[in-house]
N, C-alpha and C. Protein backbone atom coordinates (compact mmCIF):
# COMPACT_ATOMS: atom_id res chain seq x y z
N MET A 1 126.93 136.04 117.64
CA MET A 1 125.52 135.74 117.48
C MET A 1 125.35 134.66 116.41
N SER A 2 124.50 133.70 116.69
CA SER A 2 124.26 132.59 115.78
C SER A 2 123.11 132.92 114.82
N GLU A 3 123.23 132.46 113.60
CA GLU A 3 122.19 132.63 112.60
C GLU A 3 121.68 131.25 112.22
N THR A 4 120.37 131.12 112.04
CA THR A 4 119.77 129.85 111.63
C THR A 4 119.49 129.88 110.14
N ARG A 5 119.80 128.78 109.49
CA ARG A 5 119.53 128.62 108.06
C ARG A 5 118.66 127.39 107.85
N ILE A 6 117.88 127.40 106.79
CA ILE A 6 117.06 126.26 106.39
C ILE A 6 117.41 125.91 104.95
N GLY A 7 117.51 124.61 104.65
CA GLY A 7 117.71 124.16 103.29
C GLY A 7 116.69 123.08 102.98
N ILE A 8 116.20 123.07 101.74
CA ILE A 8 115.22 122.08 101.31
C ILE A 8 115.80 121.30 100.13
N GLY A 9 115.60 119.99 100.14
CA GLY A 9 116.07 119.16 99.04
C GLY A 9 115.01 118.19 98.59
N PHE A 10 115.08 117.79 97.34
CA PHE A 10 114.16 116.82 96.76
C PHE A 10 114.90 116.00 95.74
N ASP A 11 114.58 114.71 95.65
CA ASP A 11 115.17 113.86 94.62
C ASP A 11 114.18 112.76 94.26
N VAL A 12 114.24 112.32 93.01
CA VAL A 12 113.37 111.23 92.54
C VAL A 12 114.14 110.41 91.52
N HIS A 13 113.96 109.11 91.55
CA HIS A 13 114.58 108.22 90.57
C HIS A 13 113.59 107.15 90.14
N ARG A 14 113.69 106.77 88.87
CA ARG A 14 112.89 105.69 88.30
C ARG A 14 113.52 104.35 88.69
N PHE A 15 112.69 103.36 88.97
CA PHE A 15 113.19 102.02 89.25
C PHE A 15 113.78 101.40 88.00
N ASP A 16 114.79 100.53 88.18
CA ASP A 16 115.31 99.70 87.11
C ASP A 16 115.61 98.31 87.67
N ALA A 17 116.24 97.47 86.88
CA ALA A 17 116.45 96.08 87.26
C ALA A 17 117.81 95.82 87.91
N ASN A 18 118.54 96.86 88.28
CA ASN A 18 119.88 96.70 88.85
C ASN A 18 119.90 97.03 90.34
N PRO A 19 119.66 96.02 91.19
CA PRO A 19 119.58 96.27 92.64
C PRO A 19 120.92 96.68 93.23
N PRO A 20 120.87 97.24 94.42
CA PRO A 20 119.71 97.43 95.30
C PRO A 20 119.20 98.86 95.28
N VAL A 21 118.03 99.08 95.88
CA VAL A 21 117.56 100.42 96.20
C VAL A 21 118.19 100.77 97.55
N LEU A 22 118.86 101.92 97.59
CA LEU A 22 119.52 102.37 98.83
C LEU A 22 118.79 103.58 99.40
N LEU A 23 118.71 103.62 100.72
CA LEU A 23 118.23 104.80 101.44
C LEU A 23 119.18 105.02 102.61
N GLY A 24 119.84 106.16 102.62
CA GLY A 24 120.81 106.42 103.68
C GLY A 24 121.95 105.41 103.67
N GLY A 25 122.26 104.89 102.49
CA GLY A 25 123.32 103.89 102.35
C GLY A 25 122.88 102.48 102.69
N VAL A 26 121.62 102.29 103.06
CA VAL A 26 121.11 100.99 103.48
C VAL A 26 120.34 100.34 102.35
N PRO A 27 120.68 99.09 101.97
CA PRO A 27 119.89 98.40 100.96
C PRO A 27 118.50 98.07 101.52
N VAL A 28 117.46 98.67 100.93
CA VAL A 28 116.10 98.47 101.43
C VAL A 28 115.25 97.63 100.48
N ASP A 29 115.75 97.38 99.28
CA ASP A 29 115.06 96.53 98.30
C ASP A 29 116.13 95.91 97.42
N THR A 30 116.26 94.61 97.49
CA THR A 30 117.28 93.91 96.70
C THR A 30 116.72 93.27 95.44
N SER A 31 115.45 93.53 95.13
CA SER A 31 114.85 92.97 93.92
C SER A 31 114.94 93.91 92.73
N ARG A 32 115.30 95.16 92.97
CA ARG A 32 115.41 96.17 91.91
C ARG A 32 116.32 97.29 92.38
N GLY A 33 116.59 98.21 91.48
CA GLY A 33 117.41 99.37 91.80
C GLY A 33 116.77 100.60 91.19
N VAL A 34 117.58 101.65 90.99
CA VAL A 34 117.08 102.87 90.37
C VAL A 34 118.04 103.32 89.28
N GLU A 35 117.48 104.04 88.30
CA GLU A 35 118.30 104.64 87.25
C GLU A 35 118.95 105.88 87.83
N ALA A 36 120.27 105.93 87.81
CA ALA A 36 120.98 107.08 88.36
C ALA A 36 122.43 107.06 87.90
N THR A 37 123.06 108.21 87.93
CA THR A 37 124.49 108.28 87.65
C THR A 37 125.26 107.68 88.82
N SER A 38 124.90 108.11 90.04
CA SER A 38 125.56 107.61 91.25
C SER A 38 124.84 106.34 91.69
N ASP A 39 124.91 106.02 92.98
CA ASP A 39 124.18 104.85 93.48
C ASP A 39 122.69 105.11 93.63
N GLY A 40 122.25 106.35 93.38
CA GLY A 40 120.83 106.67 93.31
C GLY A 40 120.10 106.72 94.64
N ASP A 41 120.78 106.99 95.72
CA ASP A 41 120.18 107.04 97.05
C ASP A 41 119.38 108.33 97.19
N VAL A 42 118.05 108.25 97.00
CA VAL A 42 117.22 109.46 97.00
C VAL A 42 117.23 110.18 98.34
N ALA A 43 117.32 109.46 99.43
CA ALA A 43 117.35 110.10 100.75
C ALA A 43 118.64 110.91 100.90
N ALA A 44 119.77 110.30 100.58
CA ALA A 44 121.05 111.01 100.67
C ALA A 44 121.09 112.19 99.71
N HIS A 45 120.53 112.04 98.52
CA HIS A 45 120.53 113.14 97.55
C HIS A 45 119.68 114.31 98.03
N ALA A 46 118.50 114.02 98.58
CA ALA A 46 117.64 115.10 99.07
C ALA A 46 118.33 115.83 100.22
N VAL A 47 118.96 115.09 101.11
CA VAL A 47 119.66 115.72 102.23
C VAL A 47 120.86 116.53 101.73
N THR A 48 121.58 116.01 100.75
CA THR A 48 122.73 116.73 100.19
C THR A 48 122.29 118.06 99.61
N ASP A 49 121.21 118.06 98.82
CA ASP A 49 120.71 119.31 98.26
C ASP A 49 120.25 120.27 99.36
N ALA A 50 119.66 119.74 100.42
CA ALA A 50 119.22 120.59 101.52
C ALA A 50 120.42 121.22 102.24
N VAL A 51 121.48 120.45 102.44
CA VAL A 51 122.70 121.00 103.06
C VAL A 51 123.28 122.09 102.17
N LEU A 52 123.38 121.83 100.89
CA LEU A 52 123.91 122.83 99.96
C LEU A 52 123.04 124.08 99.96
N GLY A 53 121.72 123.89 100.02
CA GLY A 53 120.81 125.03 100.06
C GLY A 53 120.98 125.87 101.32
N ALA A 54 121.11 125.20 102.46
CA ALA A 54 121.28 125.93 103.72
C ALA A 54 122.55 126.76 103.72
N ALA A 55 123.55 126.30 102.98
CA ALA A 55 124.83 127.03 102.91
C ALA A 55 124.91 127.95 101.69
N ASN A 56 123.82 128.06 100.94
CA ASN A 56 123.79 128.88 99.73
C ASN A 56 124.89 128.48 98.75
N LEU A 57 124.99 127.16 98.53
CA LEU A 57 126.03 126.62 97.66
C LEU A 57 125.47 125.98 96.39
N GLY A 58 124.25 126.32 96.02
CA GLY A 58 123.67 125.75 94.81
C GLY A 58 123.08 124.39 95.05
N ASP A 59 123.26 123.49 94.06
CA ASP A 59 122.65 122.17 94.15
C ASP A 59 123.63 121.08 93.73
N MET A 60 123.17 119.84 93.83
CA MET A 60 124.03 118.71 93.49
C MET A 60 124.52 118.76 92.05
N GLY A 61 123.67 119.22 91.14
CA GLY A 61 124.07 119.30 89.73
C GLY A 61 125.26 120.20 89.50
N MET A 62 125.44 121.21 90.33
CA MET A 62 126.59 122.11 90.21
C MET A 62 127.88 121.43 90.67
N HIS A 63 127.77 120.65 91.73
CA HIS A 63 128.97 120.08 92.36
C HIS A 63 129.26 118.63 91.96
N PHE A 64 128.22 117.91 91.56
CA PHE A 64 128.35 116.49 91.20
C PHE A 64 127.61 116.23 89.90
N PRO A 65 127.98 116.91 88.81
CA PRO A 65 127.22 116.80 87.57
C PRO A 65 127.23 115.38 86.98
N SER A 66 126.07 114.95 86.54
CA SER A 66 125.96 113.60 85.96
C SER A 66 126.73 113.50 84.65
N SER A 67 127.13 114.62 84.07
CA SER A 67 127.91 114.60 82.83
C SER A 67 129.37 114.21 83.07
N GLU A 68 129.80 114.21 84.35
CA GLU A 68 131.18 113.84 84.66
C GLU A 68 131.26 112.36 85.01
N PRO A 69 132.06 111.61 84.25
CA PRO A 69 132.18 110.16 84.48
C PRO A 69 132.61 109.78 85.89
N ARG A 70 133.32 110.66 86.60
CA ARG A 70 133.80 110.30 87.93
C ARG A 70 132.66 110.08 88.92
N TRP A 71 131.44 110.56 88.61
CA TRP A 71 130.31 110.37 89.52
C TRP A 71 129.52 109.10 89.19
N SER A 72 129.92 108.39 88.13
CA SER A 72 129.25 107.14 87.77
C SER A 72 129.40 106.13 88.90
N GLY A 73 128.29 105.70 89.47
CA GLY A 73 128.30 104.72 90.55
C GLY A 73 128.78 105.27 91.88
N ALA A 74 128.92 106.60 91.99
CA ALA A 74 129.46 107.21 93.21
C ALA A 74 128.61 106.90 94.44
N ASP A 75 129.25 106.82 95.58
CA ASP A 75 128.61 106.61 96.87
C ASP A 75 127.95 107.92 97.29
N SER A 76 126.62 107.92 97.39
CA SER A 76 125.88 109.13 97.73
C SER A 76 126.22 109.67 99.11
N LEU A 77 126.58 108.79 100.04
CA LEU A 77 126.97 109.29 101.37
C LEU A 77 128.29 110.03 101.31
N GLU A 78 129.17 109.67 100.37
CA GLU A 78 130.41 110.43 100.19
C GLU A 78 130.10 111.81 99.63
N MET A 79 129.12 111.88 98.73
CA MET A 79 128.71 113.18 98.20
C MET A 79 128.13 114.03 99.32
N LEU A 80 127.36 113.42 100.21
CA LEU A 80 126.81 114.13 101.35
C LEU A 80 127.93 114.64 102.25
N ARG A 81 128.92 113.79 102.51
CA ARG A 81 130.07 114.24 103.34
C ARG A 81 130.77 115.43 102.70
N GLU A 82 130.91 115.42 101.38
CA GLU A 82 131.55 116.53 100.68
C GLU A 82 130.71 117.80 100.80
N ALA A 83 129.40 117.68 100.69
CA ALA A 83 128.53 118.85 100.83
C ALA A 83 128.64 119.42 102.25
N VAL A 84 128.69 118.55 103.25
CA VAL A 84 128.85 118.99 104.64
C VAL A 84 130.20 119.69 104.81
N ARG A 85 131.25 119.15 104.19
CA ARG A 85 132.57 119.78 104.25
C ARG A 85 132.54 121.18 103.63
N MET A 86 131.91 121.29 102.45
CA MET A 86 131.81 122.59 101.77
C MET A 86 131.02 123.58 102.62
N ALA A 87 129.92 123.12 103.21
CA ALA A 87 129.12 124.00 104.08
C ALA A 87 129.95 124.43 105.28
N GLY A 88 130.67 123.49 105.87
CA GLY A 88 131.52 123.80 107.03
C GLY A 88 132.57 124.84 106.70
N ALA A 89 133.09 124.79 105.48
CA ALA A 89 134.09 125.77 105.07
C ALA A 89 133.50 127.19 105.04
N LYS A 90 132.18 127.28 104.92
CA LYS A 90 131.49 128.58 104.97
C LYS A 90 130.97 128.88 106.36
N GLY A 91 131.31 128.04 107.33
CA GLY A 91 130.87 128.26 108.70
C GLY A 91 129.47 127.76 108.99
N VAL A 92 128.92 126.93 108.10
CA VAL A 92 127.56 126.42 108.26
C VAL A 92 127.62 125.01 108.83
N ALA A 93 126.92 124.79 109.95
CA ALA A 93 126.90 123.49 110.61
C ALA A 93 125.47 122.96 110.66
N VAL A 94 125.30 121.69 110.29
CA VAL A 94 123.98 121.06 110.32
C VAL A 94 123.56 120.86 111.77
N VAL A 95 122.32 121.25 112.06
CA VAL A 95 121.75 121.09 113.40
C VAL A 95 120.78 119.90 113.41
N ALA A 96 119.88 119.84 112.42
CA ALA A 96 118.88 118.77 112.38
C ALA A 96 118.44 118.54 110.95
N VAL A 97 117.95 117.32 110.70
CA VAL A 97 117.48 116.92 109.37
C VAL A 97 116.17 116.17 109.51
N ASP A 98 115.25 116.46 108.59
CA ASP A 98 113.98 115.73 108.52
C ASP A 98 113.81 115.27 107.08
N VAL A 99 113.69 113.95 106.89
CA VAL A 99 113.59 113.36 105.56
C VAL A 99 112.27 112.60 105.45
N THR A 100 111.59 112.77 104.32
CA THR A 100 110.41 111.96 104.02
C THR A 100 110.66 111.21 102.73
N VAL A 101 110.56 109.89 102.78
CA VAL A 101 110.68 109.04 101.60
C VAL A 101 109.27 108.82 101.06
N ILE A 102 109.11 108.97 99.74
CA ILE A 102 107.81 108.81 99.10
C ILE A 102 107.89 107.62 98.16
N SER A 103 107.17 106.56 98.48
CA SER A 103 107.18 105.35 97.65
C SER A 103 105.92 104.55 97.90
N GLN A 104 105.42 103.95 96.84
CA GLN A 104 104.23 103.12 96.97
C GLN A 104 104.59 101.76 97.57
N SER A 105 105.81 101.27 97.32
CA SER A 105 106.11 99.90 97.73
C SER A 105 107.35 99.71 98.59
N VAL A 106 108.30 100.63 98.55
CA VAL A 106 109.50 100.48 99.36
C VAL A 106 109.14 100.78 100.81
N ARG A 107 109.41 99.84 101.67
CA ARG A 107 109.08 99.98 103.09
C ARG A 107 110.27 100.53 103.87
N VAL A 108 110.04 101.61 104.59
CA VAL A 108 111.08 102.27 105.36
C VAL A 108 111.13 101.73 106.78
N GLY A 109 109.97 101.42 107.36
CA GLY A 109 109.86 101.04 108.76
C GLY A 109 110.90 100.05 109.25
N PRO A 110 111.10 98.92 108.56
CA PRO A 110 112.06 97.94 109.05
C PRO A 110 113.52 98.43 109.03
N TYR A 111 113.78 99.50 108.29
CA TYR A 111 115.14 100.00 108.10
C TYR A 111 115.36 101.39 108.69
N ARG A 112 114.32 101.95 109.28
CA ARG A 112 114.35 103.36 109.71
C ARG A 112 115.59 103.71 110.55
N GLU A 113 115.88 102.91 111.56
CA GLU A 113 117.01 103.24 112.43
C GLU A 113 118.34 103.15 111.69
N ALA A 114 118.48 102.17 110.81
CA ALA A 114 119.71 102.04 110.02
C ALA A 114 119.86 103.21 109.04
N ILE A 115 118.74 103.65 108.45
CA ILE A 115 118.77 104.80 107.53
C ILE A 115 119.17 106.06 108.30
N ARG A 116 118.57 106.24 109.47
CA ARG A 116 118.93 107.39 110.31
C ARG A 116 120.42 107.37 110.63
N ALA A 117 120.92 106.22 111.00
CA ALA A 117 122.35 106.09 111.35
C ALA A 117 123.23 106.37 110.13
N GLY A 118 122.84 105.87 108.97
CA GLY A 118 123.62 106.11 107.75
C GLY A 118 123.68 107.58 107.40
N LEU A 119 122.53 108.26 107.45
CA LEU A 119 122.51 109.68 107.14
C LEU A 119 123.25 110.48 108.21
N ALA A 120 123.10 110.11 109.48
CA ALA A 120 123.82 110.80 110.55
C ALA A 120 125.33 110.68 110.34
N GLY A 121 125.78 109.50 109.93
CA GLY A 121 127.20 109.31 109.66
C GLY A 121 127.68 110.19 108.52
N GLY A 122 126.88 110.30 107.47
CA GLY A 122 127.23 111.16 106.35
C GLY A 122 127.24 112.63 106.72
N LEU A 123 126.38 112.99 107.65
CA LEU A 123 126.28 114.39 108.08
C LEU A 123 127.27 114.74 109.18
N GLY A 124 127.77 113.71 109.87
CA GLY A 124 128.66 113.95 111.01
C GLY A 124 127.91 114.48 112.22
N VAL A 125 126.65 114.03 112.39
CA VAL A 125 125.85 114.43 113.55
C VAL A 125 125.36 113.20 114.28
N GLU A 126 124.80 113.40 115.47
CA GLU A 126 124.23 112.30 116.23
C GLU A 126 122.94 111.84 115.56
N THR A 127 122.64 110.57 115.71
CA THR A 127 121.45 109.99 115.09
C THR A 127 120.17 110.69 115.56
N ASP A 128 120.13 111.16 116.79
CA ASP A 128 118.90 111.79 117.28
C ASP A 128 118.62 113.14 116.62
N ARG A 129 119.51 113.57 115.76
CA ARG A 129 119.28 114.81 115.00
C ARG A 129 118.70 114.53 113.61
N VAL A 130 118.48 113.24 113.30
CA VAL A 130 117.99 112.85 111.98
C VAL A 130 116.64 112.15 112.12
N SER A 131 115.63 112.71 111.47
CA SER A 131 114.30 112.11 111.44
C SER A 131 114.06 111.52 110.04
N VAL A 132 113.54 110.30 109.99
CA VAL A 132 113.21 109.65 108.72
C VAL A 132 111.77 109.18 108.79
N LYS A 133 110.98 109.61 107.82
CA LYS A 133 109.57 109.24 107.73
C LYS A 133 109.31 108.70 106.33
N ALA A 134 108.11 108.14 106.14
CA ALA A 134 107.74 107.63 104.82
C ALA A 134 106.26 107.87 104.58
N THR A 135 105.92 107.97 103.30
CA THR A 135 104.53 108.10 102.90
C THR A 135 104.37 107.50 101.50
N THR A 136 103.13 107.34 101.09
CA THR A 136 102.82 106.92 99.73
C THR A 136 102.06 108.06 99.06
N THR A 137 101.71 107.88 97.80
CA THR A 137 100.85 108.85 97.13
C THR A 137 99.47 108.25 96.92
N ASP A 138 99.15 107.20 97.66
CA ASP A 138 97.85 106.53 97.55
C ASP A 138 97.50 106.18 96.12
N GLY A 139 98.51 105.71 95.39
CA GLY A 139 98.29 105.25 94.02
C GLY A 139 98.26 106.32 92.97
N LEU A 140 98.48 107.57 93.32
CA LEU A 140 98.41 108.67 92.36
C LEU A 140 99.76 108.95 91.72
N GLY A 141 99.77 109.23 90.43
CA GLY A 141 100.96 109.66 89.72
C GLY A 141 102.01 108.59 89.51
N VAL A 142 103.19 109.01 89.03
CA VAL A 142 104.26 108.07 88.71
C VAL A 142 104.75 107.32 89.94
N LEU A 143 104.77 107.98 91.09
CA LEU A 143 105.18 107.29 92.32
C LEU A 143 104.09 106.32 92.75
N GLY A 144 102.86 106.72 92.60
CA GLY A 144 101.74 105.84 92.95
C GLY A 144 101.65 104.62 92.07
N ARG A 145 102.10 104.75 90.81
CA ARG A 145 102.14 103.59 89.90
C ARG A 145 103.38 102.75 90.14
N ASP A 146 104.15 103.12 91.14
CA ASP A 146 105.36 102.39 91.55
C ASP A 146 106.41 102.35 90.44
N GLU A 147 106.55 103.48 89.76
CA GLU A 147 107.57 103.59 88.71
C GLU A 147 108.90 104.06 89.28
N GLY A 148 108.89 104.53 90.51
CA GLY A 148 110.11 105.01 91.15
C GLY A 148 109.83 105.43 92.57
N LEU A 149 110.79 106.12 93.17
CA LEU A 149 110.61 106.63 94.51
C LEU A 149 111.27 107.99 94.62
N ALA A 150 110.91 108.71 95.66
CA ALA A 150 111.42 110.07 95.85
C ALA A 150 111.69 110.30 97.34
N ALA A 151 112.36 111.40 97.60
CA ALA A 151 112.58 111.83 98.99
C ALA A 151 112.66 113.34 99.01
N MET A 152 112.18 113.91 100.09
CA MET A 152 112.36 115.34 100.32
C MET A 152 112.96 115.49 101.71
N ALA A 153 113.74 116.57 101.87
CA ALA A 153 114.44 116.78 103.12
C ALA A 153 114.48 118.26 103.47
N VAL A 154 114.48 118.51 104.76
CA VAL A 154 114.69 119.84 105.30
C VAL A 154 115.86 119.75 106.27
N VAL A 155 116.80 120.67 106.10
CA VAL A 155 117.96 120.77 106.99
C VAL A 155 117.89 122.09 107.73
N THR A 156 118.06 122.02 109.02
CA THR A 156 118.26 123.22 109.83
C THR A 156 119.75 123.31 110.11
N ALA A 157 120.31 124.48 109.89
CA ALA A 157 121.75 124.67 110.09
C ALA A 157 121.99 125.98 110.82
N SER A 158 123.18 126.11 111.37
CA SER A 158 123.53 127.35 112.06
C SER A 158 124.86 127.87 111.55
N ILE A 159 124.99 129.18 111.67
CA ILE A 159 126.25 129.87 111.36
C ILE A 159 126.63 130.63 112.62
N GLY A 160 127.88 130.50 112.99
CA GLY A 160 128.35 131.29 114.12
C GLY A 160 128.49 130.54 115.41
């Protein structure tokens, strides 16, 4: 008998002057970057936390702590692949992913299919199992002031 699991992830990073901004491994803004230990890919980070959550494996901070120098500049899609591997070792397989990018100025539309493909590659699933959407905060808060960007993700997974 198969069991369904759900995992939720969220990530946010402040913009800085070191490009590019990555989403799903895709450079979506080459005029700036984000402050982060790794490459700062908020979409990949949110999905990674969601995968870890679905497998009851904690969060990114447990497995990829920013206090460890080896994660400096790390490829977020590699971290996602590692989370999928860890989940798989527990018998948890990703079924579908839904990601929402939240940014006042970073445009997802022109890159949506490439972002979906990048995340699907990191997850080891078909692209049609990955949904990528975007929204703004209509000028409200730190994201609305365009100080950074965020992403949230939901992963559906199965065991058995």
